[in-house]
N, C-alpha and C. Protein backbone atom coordinates (compact mmCIF):
# COMPACT_ATOMS: atom_id res chain seq x y z
N MET A 1 0.82 -1.19 0.00
CA MET A 1 0.00 0.00 0.00
C MET A 1 0.87 1.26 0.00
N GLN A 2 1.94 1.22 0.79
CA GLN A 2 2.85 2.37 0.87
C GLN A 2 3.50 2.65 -0.49
N GLN A 3 3.77 1.59 -1.24
CA GLN A 3 4.39 1.74 -2.56
C GLN A 3 3.47 2.51 -3.50
N HIS A 4 2.18 2.25 -3.45
CA HIS A 4 1.22 2.96 -4.29
C HIS A 4 1.15 4.44 -3.92
N HIS A 5 1.21 4.72 -2.61
CA HIS A 5 1.19 6.12 -2.17
C HIS A 5 2.45 6.86 -2.63
N ASP A 6 3.59 6.19 -2.54
CA ASP A 6 4.84 6.80 -2.98
C ASP A 6 4.82 7.07 -4.48
N GLU A 7 4.30 6.10 -5.24
CA GLU A 7 4.22 6.27 -6.69
C GLU A 7 3.26 7.39 -7.06
N LEU A 8 2.13 7.45 -6.37
CA LEU A 8 1.15 8.52 -6.62
C LEU A 8 1.74 9.88 -6.28
N ARG A 9 2.43 9.97 -5.14
CA ARG A 9 3.05 11.24 -4.74
C ARG A 9 4.09 11.67 -5.77
N LYS A 10 4.87 10.71 -6.28
CA LYS A 10 5.90 11.02 -7.27
C LYS A 10 5.28 11.55 -8.56
N ARG A 11 4.20 10.92 -9.02
CA ARG A 11 3.53 11.38 -10.24
C ARG A 11 2.92 12.77 -10.06
N VAL A 12 2.31 13.00 -8.91
CA VAL A 12 1.72 14.31 -8.65
C VAL A 12 2.80 15.39 -8.60
N GLU A 13 3.93 15.09 -7.98
CA GLU A 13 5.03 16.05 -7.93
C GLU A 13 5.58 16.34 -9.33
N GLN A 14 5.69 15.31 -10.17
CA GLN A 14 6.17 15.51 -11.54
C GLN A 14 5.20 16.40 -12.33
N GLN A 15 3.91 16.14 -12.18
CA GLN A 15 2.93 16.96 -12.89
C GLN A 15 2.93 18.40 -12.39
N ALA A 16 3.11 18.58 -11.10
CA ALA A 16 3.18 19.93 -10.55
C ALA A 16 4.42 20.66 -11.07
N GLN A 17 5.54 19.96 -11.17
CA GLN A 17 6.75 20.57 -11.72
C GLN A 17 6.56 20.95 -13.18
N ARG A 18 5.90 20.08 -13.96
CA ARG A 18 5.62 20.40 -15.36
C ARG A 18 4.74 21.63 -15.48
N MET A 19 3.73 21.73 -14.62
CA MET A 19 2.83 22.88 -14.66
C MET A 19 3.56 24.16 -14.29
N GLU A 20 4.44 24.10 -13.29
CA GLU A 20 5.22 25.27 -12.92
C GLU A 20 6.17 25.68 -14.03
N LYS A 21 6.79 24.71 -14.66
CA LYS A 21 7.70 25.01 -15.78
C LYS A 21 6.93 25.64 -16.94
N ALA A 22 5.76 25.10 -17.26
CA ALA A 22 4.95 25.67 -18.34
C ALA A 22 4.51 27.09 -18.00
N ASP A 23 4.21 27.34 -16.74
CA ASP A 23 3.81 28.69 -16.34
C ASP A 23 4.98 29.67 -16.45
N ARG A 24 6.19 29.22 -16.10
CA ARG A 24 7.37 30.09 -16.21
C ARG A 24 7.73 30.37 -17.66
N GLU A 25 7.52 29.39 -18.54
CA GLU A 25 7.92 29.53 -19.94
C GLU A 25 6.77 29.97 -20.85
N ARG A 26 5.75 30.55 -20.27
CA ARG A 26 4.61 30.98 -21.07
C ARG A 26 5.04 32.01 -22.10
N SER A 27 4.48 31.89 -23.28
CA SER A 27 4.85 32.79 -24.38
C SER A 27 4.35 34.20 -24.12
N THR A 28 5.19 35.15 -24.45
CA THR A 28 4.77 36.54 -24.38
C THR A 28 4.27 36.97 -25.75
N LEU A 29 3.67 38.14 -25.81
CA LEU A 29 3.18 38.66 -27.07
C LEU A 29 4.33 38.86 -28.06
N MET A 30 5.47 39.32 -27.55
CA MET A 30 6.62 39.54 -28.42
C MET A 30 7.14 38.23 -29.00
N SER A 31 7.23 37.19 -28.18
CA SER A 31 7.73 35.91 -28.69
C SER A 31 6.76 35.30 -29.70
N GLN A 32 5.46 35.47 -29.48
CA GLN A 32 4.48 34.98 -30.45
C GLN A 32 4.57 35.74 -31.76
N THR A 33 4.79 37.04 -31.68
CA THR A 33 4.93 37.87 -32.88
C THR A 33 6.17 37.47 -33.67
N ILE A 34 7.26 37.23 -32.98
CA ILE A 34 8.49 36.80 -33.65
C ILE A 34 8.29 35.44 -34.31
N PHE A 35 7.59 34.54 -33.63
CA PHE A 35 7.34 33.21 -34.19
C PHE A 35 6.50 33.30 -35.46
N ILE A 36 5.44 34.12 -35.44
CA ILE A 36 4.59 34.28 -36.63
C ILE A 36 5.39 34.93 -37.76
N GLY A 37 6.23 35.90 -37.44
CA GLY A 37 7.08 36.52 -38.45
C GLY A 37 8.05 35.53 -39.06
N THR A 38 8.60 34.66 -38.24
CA THR A 38 9.51 33.64 -38.74
C THR A 38 8.79 32.66 -39.66
N LEU A 39 7.56 32.29 -39.27
CA LEU A 39 6.77 31.40 -40.13
C LEU A 39 6.54 32.05 -41.50
N GLY A 40 6.19 33.32 -41.50
CA GLY A 40 5.98 34.02 -42.76
C GLY A 40 7.24 34.08 -43.59
N LEU A 41 8.35 34.32 -42.93
CA LEU A 41 9.62 34.42 -43.65
C LEU A 41 10.04 33.10 -44.28
N VAL A 42 9.91 32.00 -43.53
CA VAL A 42 10.32 30.71 -44.08
C VAL A 42 9.38 30.23 -45.18
N PHE A 43 8.18 30.81 -45.25
CA PHE A 43 7.28 30.48 -46.35
C PHE A 43 7.55 31.35 -47.57
N VAL A 44 7.76 32.64 -47.35
CA VAL A 44 7.86 33.59 -48.46
C VAL A 44 9.21 33.51 -49.18
N LEU A 45 10.29 33.30 -48.46
CA LEU A 45 11.61 33.29 -49.09
C LEU A 45 11.75 32.28 -50.23
N PRO A 46 11.31 31.03 -50.08
CA PRO A 46 11.42 30.10 -51.22
C PRO A 46 10.55 30.53 -52.41
N VAL A 47 9.41 31.14 -52.14
CA VAL A 47 8.53 31.58 -53.23
C VAL A 47 9.19 32.71 -54.01
N VAL A 48 9.71 33.69 -53.29
CA VAL A 48 10.35 34.83 -53.94
C VAL A 48 11.63 34.38 -54.65
N GLY A 49 12.40 33.51 -54.01
CA GLY A 49 13.60 32.99 -54.65
C GLY A 49 13.27 32.23 -55.93
N GLY A 50 12.22 31.44 -55.89
CA GLY A 50 11.79 30.71 -57.09
C GLY A 50 11.34 31.65 -58.19
N ALA A 51 10.66 32.74 -57.83
CA ALA A 51 10.21 33.71 -58.82
C ALA A 51 11.41 34.39 -59.50
N TYR A 52 12.38 34.80 -58.71
CA TYR A 52 13.56 35.45 -59.29
C TYR A 52 14.38 34.48 -60.16
N LEU A 53 14.60 33.29 -59.66
CA LEU A 53 15.36 32.31 -60.42
C LEU A 53 14.62 31.92 -61.71
N GLY A 54 13.31 31.73 -61.62
CA GLY A 54 12.53 31.40 -62.79
C GLY A 54 12.52 32.51 -63.81
N ASN A 55 12.42 33.74 -63.34
CA ASN A 55 12.45 34.90 -64.25
C ASN A 55 13.80 34.98 -64.97
N TRP A 56 14.87 34.73 -64.24
CA TRP A 56 16.19 34.76 -64.86
C TRP A 56 16.33 33.66 -65.90
N LEU A 57 15.87 32.44 -65.57
CA LEU A 57 15.94 31.35 -66.53
C LEU A 57 15.07 31.62 -67.77
N ASP A 58 13.90 32.22 -67.56
CA ASP A 58 13.04 32.56 -68.70
C ASP A 58 13.66 33.64 -69.58
N SER A 59 14.46 34.51 -68.98
CA SER A 59 15.09 35.57 -69.79
C SER A 59 16.18 35.00 -70.71
N LEU A 60 16.69 33.83 -70.38
CA LEU A 60 17.70 33.20 -71.22
C LEU A 60 17.09 32.54 -72.46
N VAL A 61 15.79 32.29 -72.45
CA VAL A 61 15.10 31.64 -73.56
C VAL A 61 14.62 32.70 -74.54
N ALA A 62 14.81 32.45 -75.83
CA ALA A 62 14.34 33.40 -76.85
C ALA A 62 12.81 33.37 -76.90
N GLY A 63 12.20 34.54 -77.02
CA GLY A 63 10.75 34.63 -77.08
C GLY A 63 10.14 34.81 -75.70
N TYR A 64 8.83 34.78 -75.68
CA TYR A 64 8.11 35.00 -74.43
C TYR A 64 7.83 33.66 -73.74
N SER A 65 8.32 33.51 -72.53
CA SER A 65 8.11 32.27 -71.81
C SER A 65 8.02 32.57 -70.31
N ILE A 66 7.06 31.95 -69.67
CA ILE A 66 6.96 32.06 -68.20
C ILE A 66 6.96 30.68 -67.55
N ARG A 67 7.36 29.70 -68.32
CA ARG A 67 7.32 28.32 -67.84
C ARG A 67 8.18 28.13 -66.58
N TRP A 68 9.43 28.60 -66.62
CA TRP A 68 10.30 28.43 -65.45
C TRP A 68 9.81 29.24 -64.26
N THR A 69 9.32 30.44 -64.51
CA THR A 69 8.86 31.29 -63.42
C THR A 69 7.71 30.63 -62.67
N VAL A 70 6.71 30.20 -63.41
CA VAL A 70 5.54 29.58 -62.77
C VAL A 70 5.94 28.28 -62.07
N SER A 71 6.75 27.48 -62.73
CA SER A 71 7.17 26.20 -62.14
C SER A 71 7.94 26.41 -60.84
N LEU A 72 8.86 27.35 -60.84
CA LEU A 72 9.67 27.57 -59.63
C LEU A 72 8.90 28.29 -58.53
N ILE A 73 7.90 29.09 -58.89
CA ILE A 73 7.02 29.68 -57.86
C ILE A 73 6.24 28.57 -57.17
N LEU A 74 5.69 27.65 -57.95
CA LEU A 74 4.95 26.52 -57.36
C LEU A 74 5.87 25.65 -56.51
N LEU A 75 7.08 25.41 -56.98
CA LEU A 75 8.04 24.67 -56.18
C LEU A 75 8.36 25.41 -54.88
N GLY A 76 8.48 26.74 -54.96
CA GLY A 76 8.72 27.54 -53.76
C GLY A 76 7.57 27.46 -52.77
N VAL A 77 6.33 27.41 -53.27
CA VAL A 77 5.17 27.26 -52.38
C VAL A 77 5.23 25.91 -51.67
N ILE A 78 5.58 24.87 -52.40
CA ILE A 78 5.67 23.54 -51.79
C ILE A 78 6.78 23.50 -50.74
N ILE A 79 7.93 24.03 -51.08
CA ILE A 79 9.05 24.05 -50.14
C ILE A 79 8.71 24.91 -48.92
N GLY A 80 8.08 26.06 -49.15
CA GLY A 80 7.68 26.93 -48.04
C GLY A 80 6.69 26.25 -47.12
N THR A 81 5.76 25.48 -47.69
CA THR A 81 4.79 24.75 -46.88
C THR A 81 5.49 23.72 -46.00
N PHE A 82 6.44 22.99 -46.57
CA PHE A 82 7.19 22.03 -45.76
C PHE A 82 8.01 22.74 -44.68
N ASN A 83 8.60 23.88 -45.01
CA ASN A 83 9.35 24.64 -44.01
C ASN A 83 8.47 25.01 -42.82
N VAL A 84 7.28 25.52 -43.11
CA VAL A 84 6.36 25.92 -42.04
C VAL A 84 5.94 24.71 -41.23
N TYR A 85 5.63 23.61 -41.90
CA TYR A 85 5.22 22.39 -41.20
C TYR A 85 6.31 21.91 -40.25
N PHE A 86 7.55 21.85 -40.72
CA PHE A 86 8.64 21.37 -39.89
C PHE A 86 8.97 22.35 -38.75
N LEU A 87 8.80 23.63 -38.99
CA LEU A 87 9.05 24.62 -37.94
C LEU A 87 7.99 24.52 -36.84
N ILE A 88 6.74 24.32 -37.24
CA ILE A 88 5.68 24.19 -36.25
C ILE A 88 5.82 22.89 -35.48
N ARG A 89 6.23 21.85 -36.17
CA ARG A 89 6.38 20.53 -35.54
C ARG A 89 7.45 20.54 -34.44
N GLU A 90 8.45 21.37 -34.57
CA GLU A 90 9.47 21.47 -33.52
C GLU A 90 8.85 22.08 -32.33
């Protein structure tokens, strides 16, 4: 019986420590703003990079072409989505 009480007390103490730690590490408005800004940045940078690279590649082709630009913008959206997913998952 004493073993069950000791185990219960240990679990309750661990949960109380977790709650105290979570309360100490609570996000502030500034940290949330920085996190949202980082999410936006890791999504937008691959899209913009793809647009610039695609535009440059299209300028090398004779005539009017937007094939590389559109393709690399879509690739940038896919990469940006994975970036956001992996950042949130951490």
